[in-house]
Amino acid sequence: MPDSEYTPTHVLTAEAVRWGIETLAFQRLHPTFVMYLYLRKQQRAGKLGEASASSDELLALIRMPGNPTKPYYFPLIDRGKRKPGELLPSFWRAENIPGSWSPGSIFRLKGGGWMGLSNGGYTLPQDHIDRALRELLYETPVSALALGAYFLRNDGFIISGVPAPTDLIAGFRLKFDYPDDAEDEFATLFKANVPTGVDFEWFEQPNSSVIQNS
């Protein structure tokens, strides 16, 4: 699982990250599900009142080098056609993302508007799990493995023994605060199945010059 206090033993491979992107690209997902994961974690920590769309914790999830004008990249879209192996240009997002995810902007959204307050600030209603499934995932749980493969792409892992995809799912649960006592919630929103027959390794030894611990 990810760890910031010890030297990591493993990082994700580029192939694993690409698999995560392609897997997410084939499912209809509301882009603000990223914001939902962040706000829910803030709420569980008792810090929802401190949540900000400009938070580095949030933006680090989607920040990606490679585009000179659009610094953010995330494969969660609710429209558009995808072809196998095609990473859509629409995955790149402009630098105004924080403005698009401000409380007032989210409040006006057709899906997920319940996360923002008209007078400022964020909120998560008591039935936010059901709403997230219905309005952000369109009634279809999303792969925790795929989300982990993308959102933990810059994280270091400490793994004893032979690394496995289940280590990535455990890392996702740790990063977004889905411990055992949130099992029902996790099972409602996420699939934990692991693909068989993949032709790549999920983890590799870290390069200390480029790794960014989480």
Protein backbone atom coordinates (compact mmCIF):
# COMPACT_ATOMS: atom_id res chain seq x y z
CA MET A 1 0.00 0.00 0.00
CA PRO A 2 1.12 3.64 -0.44
CA ASP A 3 3.32 5.00 2.31
CA SER A 4 5.13 8.28 2.84
CA GLU A 5 7.33 7.42 5.85
CA TYR A 6 9.36 4.55 4.42
CA THR A 7 11.28 3.90 1.26
CA PRO A 8 8.87 2.39 -1.27
CA THR A 9 9.59 -1.01 -2.71
CA HIS A 10 7.39 -0.74 -5.80
CA VAL A 11 5.67 1.66 -8.19
CA LEU A 12 3.09 1.05 -10.87
CA THR A 13 4.24 0.22 -14.38
CA ALA A 14 3.33 2.42 -17.33
CA GLU A 15 1.35 -0.50 -18.73
CA ALA A 16 -0.75 -0.73 -15.58
CA VAL A 17 -1.51 3.00 -15.72
CA ARG A 18 -2.50 2.77 -19.37
CA TRP A 19 -4.73 -0.22 -18.59
CA GLY A 20 -6.45 1.88 -15.93
CA ILE A 21 -7.00 4.77 -18.33
CA GLU A 22 -8.39 2.53 -21.07
CA THR A 23 -10.63 0.64 -18.65
CA LEU A 24 -12.12 3.84 -17.25
CA ALA A 25 -12.55 5.25 -20.75
CA PHE A 26 -15.00 2.51 -21.68
CA GLN A 27 -17.39 3.34 -18.83
CA ARG A 28 -19.67 6.33 -18.64
CA LEU A 29 -18.44 8.29 -15.61
CA HIS A 30 -19.34 11.78 -14.48
CA PRO A 31 -16.15 13.88 -14.36
CA THR A 32 -17.00 15.24 -10.90
CA PHE A 33 -16.68 11.75 -9.40
CA VAL A 34 -13.08 12.84 -8.79
CA MET A 35 -14.39 15.70 -6.67
CA TYR A 36 -16.75 13.36 -4.88
CA LEU A 37 -13.89 11.08 -3.80
CA TYR A 38 -11.97 14.09 -2.50
CA LEU A 39 -14.93 15.63 -0.65
CA ARG A 40 -15.91 12.32 0.94
CA LYS A 41 -12.38 11.86 2.26
CA GLN A 42 -12.42 15.40 3.63
CA GLN A 43 -15.76 14.75 5.32
CA ARG A 44 -14.53 11.56 6.99
CA ALA A 45 -11.55 13.51 8.31
CA GLY A 46 -13.83 16.23 9.67
CA LYS A 47 -12.38 18.75 7.22
CA LEU A 48 -15.19 19.26 4.71
CA GLY A 49 -15.32 22.94 5.65
CA GLU A 50 -11.68 23.26 4.54
CA ALA A 51 -12.21 21.58 1.16
CA SER A 52 -11.06 23.55 -1.87
CA ALA A 53 -11.12 22.90 -5.59
CA SER A 54 -7.62 24.40 -5.65
CA SER A 55 -6.30 21.87 -3.13
CA ASP A 56 -3.05 20.28 -4.25
CA GLU A 57 -4.30 16.98 -2.82
CA LEU A 58 -7.15 17.11 -5.35
CA LEU A 59 -5.29 18.54 -8.33
CA ALA A 60 -2.36 16.14 -7.93
CA LEU A 61 -4.80 13.36 -8.81
CA ILE A 62 -5.32 14.76 -12.29
CA ARG A 63 -2.18 16.80 -12.99
CA MET A 64 -0.23 15.34 -15.89
CA PRO A 65 2.74 16.65 -17.90
CA GLY A 66 2.67 16.45 -21.67
CA ASN A 67 0.22 19.11 -22.86
CA PRO A 68 1.51 22.69 -23.11
CA THR A 69 -1.90 24.31 -22.57
CA LYS A 70 -3.91 21.78 -20.57
CA PRO A 71 -2.27 20.65 -17.33
CA TYR A 72 -4.91 18.18 -16.18
CA TYR A 73 -5.78 14.77 -17.55
CA PHE A 74 -8.41 12.34 -16.37
CA PRO A 75 -10.30 9.61 -18.21
CA LEU A 76 -13.73 10.20 -16.70
CA ILE A 77 -16.18 11.40 -19.31
CA ASP A 78 -19.92 10.96 -19.67
CA ARG A 79 -20.15 11.43 -23.42
CA GLY A 80 -18.24 10.63 -26.58
CA LYS A 81 -17.40 7.41 -28.38
CA ARG A 82 -14.27 5.45 -27.60
CA LYS A 83 -12.37 2.96 -29.71
CA PRO A 84 -10.05 0.26 -28.33
CA GLY A 85 -6.67 1.77 -27.53
CA GLU A 86 -7.86 5.32 -28.18
CA LEU A 87 -7.02 7.83 -25.46
CA LEU A 88 -9.36 10.69 -26.23
CA PRO A 89 -8.09 14.28 -26.49
CA SER A 90 -11.02 15.26 -24.26
CA PHE A 91 -9.22 13.59 -21.36
CA TRP A 92 -7.01 16.70 -21.25
CA ARG A 93 -8.55 19.51 -19.21
CA ALA A 94 -7.68 23.20 -19.09
CA GLU A 95 -6.30 24.99 -16.05
CA ASN A 96 -9.76 26.37 -15.11
CA ILE A 97 -10.73 23.07 -13.46
CA PRO A 98 -10.71 24.61 -9.95
CA GLY A 99 -13.22 27.18 -11.14
CA SER A 100 -15.39 24.49 -12.70
CA TRP A 101 -15.41 22.59 -9.41
CA SER A 102 -16.05 25.54 -7.12
CA PRO A 103 -19.12 25.17 -4.87
CA GLY A 104 -21.21 27.55 -6.98
CA SER A 105 -20.24 25.86 -10.25
CA ILE A 106 -20.93 22.37 -8.94
CA PHE A 107 -24.26 23.53 -7.48
CA ARG A 108 -25.42 24.35 -11.01
CA LEU A 109 -24.50 20.95 -12.45
CA LYS A 110 -27.18 18.56 -13.62
CA GLY A 111 -25.35 15.66 -11.99
CA GLY A 112 -23.61 16.11 -8.67
CA GLY A 113 -25.11 19.51 -7.93
CA TRP A 114 -25.86 18.24 -4.44
CA MET A 115 -22.14 18.55 -3.56
CA GLY A 116 -22.20 22.36 -3.72
CA LEU A 117 -24.08 25.02 -1.80
CA SER A 118 -25.55 28.03 -3.57
CA ASN A 119 -24.08 30.36 -0.94
CA GLY A 120 -20.62 28.75 -1.05
CA GLY A 121 -19.03 25.70 0.52
CA TYR A 122 -19.40 22.00 -0.10
CA THR A 123 -21.78 19.47 1.36
CA LEU A 124 -22.43 15.76 1.21
CA PRO A 125 -26.04 14.81 1.97
CA GLN A 126 -26.82 11.77 4.08
CA ASP A 127 -27.73 9.75 0.98
CA HIS A 128 -24.58 10.74 -0.95
CA ILE A 129 -23.64 7.11 -1.62
CA ASP A 130 -26.88 6.38 -3.45
CA ARG A 131 -26.68 9.68 -5.28
CA ALA A 132 -23.10 9.02 -6.36
CA LEU A 133 -24.06 5.63 -7.73
CA ARG A 134 -27.07 7.02 -9.56
CA GLU A 135 -25.81 10.37 -10.86
CA LEU A 136 -22.04 10.00 -11.09
CA LEU A 137 -21.63 6.31 -11.95
CA TYR A 138 -24.95 5.93 -13.77
CA GLU A 139 -25.94 2.87 -11.73
CA THR A 140 -22.78 0.92 -12.63
CA PRO A 141 -20.02 0.41 -10.03
CA VAL A 142 -16.56 1.38 -11.29
CA SER A 143 -13.38 -0.67 -11.10
CA ALA A 144 -11.36 0.19 -7.98
CA LEU A 145 -8.36 -1.39 -9.70
CA ALA A 146 -8.67 0.94 -12.69
CA LEU A 147 -9.14 4.02 -10.51
CA GLY A 148 -6.15 2.99 -8.45
CA ALA A 149 -4.03 2.40 -11.54
CA TYR A 150 -4.61 5.99 -12.60
CA PHE A 151 -4.89 7.96 -9.38
CA LEU A 152 -1.96 6.21 -7.69
CA ARG A 153 0.31 6.45 -10.75
CA ASN A 154 2.81 8.68 -8.90
CA ASP A 155 2.67 6.88 -5.55
CA GLY A 156 5.19 4.56 -3.98
CA PHE A 157 4.11 1.23 -2.49
CA ILE A 158 5.59 -0.90 0.25
CA ILE A 159 4.81 -4.51 -0.65
CA SER A 160 6.13 -7.59 1.07
CA GLY A 161 6.19 -10.73 -1.00
CA VAL A 162 5.14 -10.95 -4.62
CA PRO A 163 3.18 -7.83 -5.67
CA ALA A 164 -0.35 -8.42 -6.96
CA PRO A 165 -3.29 -6.35 -8.25
CA THR A 166 -4.93 -6.74 -4.84
CA ASP A 167 -2.13 -4.55 -3.45
CA LEU A 168 -3.30 -1.81 -5.80
CA ILE A 169 -6.91 -2.15 -4.64
CA ALA A 170 -5.70 -1.97 -1.03
CA GLY A 171 -3.75 1.16 -1.95
CA PHE A 172 -6.82 2.75 -3.50
CA ARG A 173 -8.88 2.01 -0.39
CA LEU A 174 -6.19 3.55 1.80
CA LYS A 175 -5.74 6.67 -0.31
CA PHE A 176 -9.47 7.42 -0.44
CA ASP A 177 -10.33 6.20 3.07
CA TYR A 178 -12.40 3.08 2.47
CA PRO A 179 -11.38 0.92 5.47
CA ASP A 180 -13.11 -2.28 6.51
CA ASP A 181 -15.83 -0.39 8.37
CA ALA A 182 -16.82 1.22 5.04
CA GLU A 183 -17.12 -2.13 3.23
CA ASP A 184 -20.81 -1.71 2.37
CA GLU A 185 -20.12 1.73 0.96
CA PHE A 186 -17.14 0.45 -1.02
CA ALA A 187 -19.12 -2.48 -2.43
CA THR A 188 -21.89 -0.14 -3.57
CA LEU A 189 -19.67 2.09 -5.67
CA PHE A 190 -16.76 -0.10 -6.74
CA LYS A 191 -15.94 -3.42 -8.35
CA ALA A 192 -12.94 -5.23 -6.91
CA ASN A 193 -12.52 -7.85 -9.60
CA VAL A 194 -9.08 -8.49 -11.08
CA PRO A 195 -8.62 -9.20 -14.81
CA THR A 196 -7.04 -12.46 -15.87
CA GLY A 197 -4.61 -13.03 -18.69
CA VAL A 198 -3.06 -9.55 -18.78
CA ASP A 199 0.30 -9.45 -20.55
CA PHE A 200 2.01 -6.88 -18.34
CA GLU A 201 3.35 -6.53 -14.83
CA TRP A 202 1.43 -4.31 -12.43
CA PHE A 203 4.44 -3.19 -10.37
CA GLU A 204 8.15 -2.57 -10.85
CA GLN A 205 11.09 -1.44 -8.75
CA PRO A 206 11.08 2.33 -8.20
CA ASN A 207 13.44 4.79 -9.80
CA SER A 208 14.45 6.98 -6.86
CA SER A 209 15.11 9.95 -9.14
CA VAL A 210 11.51 10.23 -10.32
CA ILE A 211 9.30 8.69 -7.66
CA GLN A 212 6.91 10.92 -5.80
CA ASN A 213 5.71 9.38 -2.57
CA SER A 214 2.12 9.95 -1.52
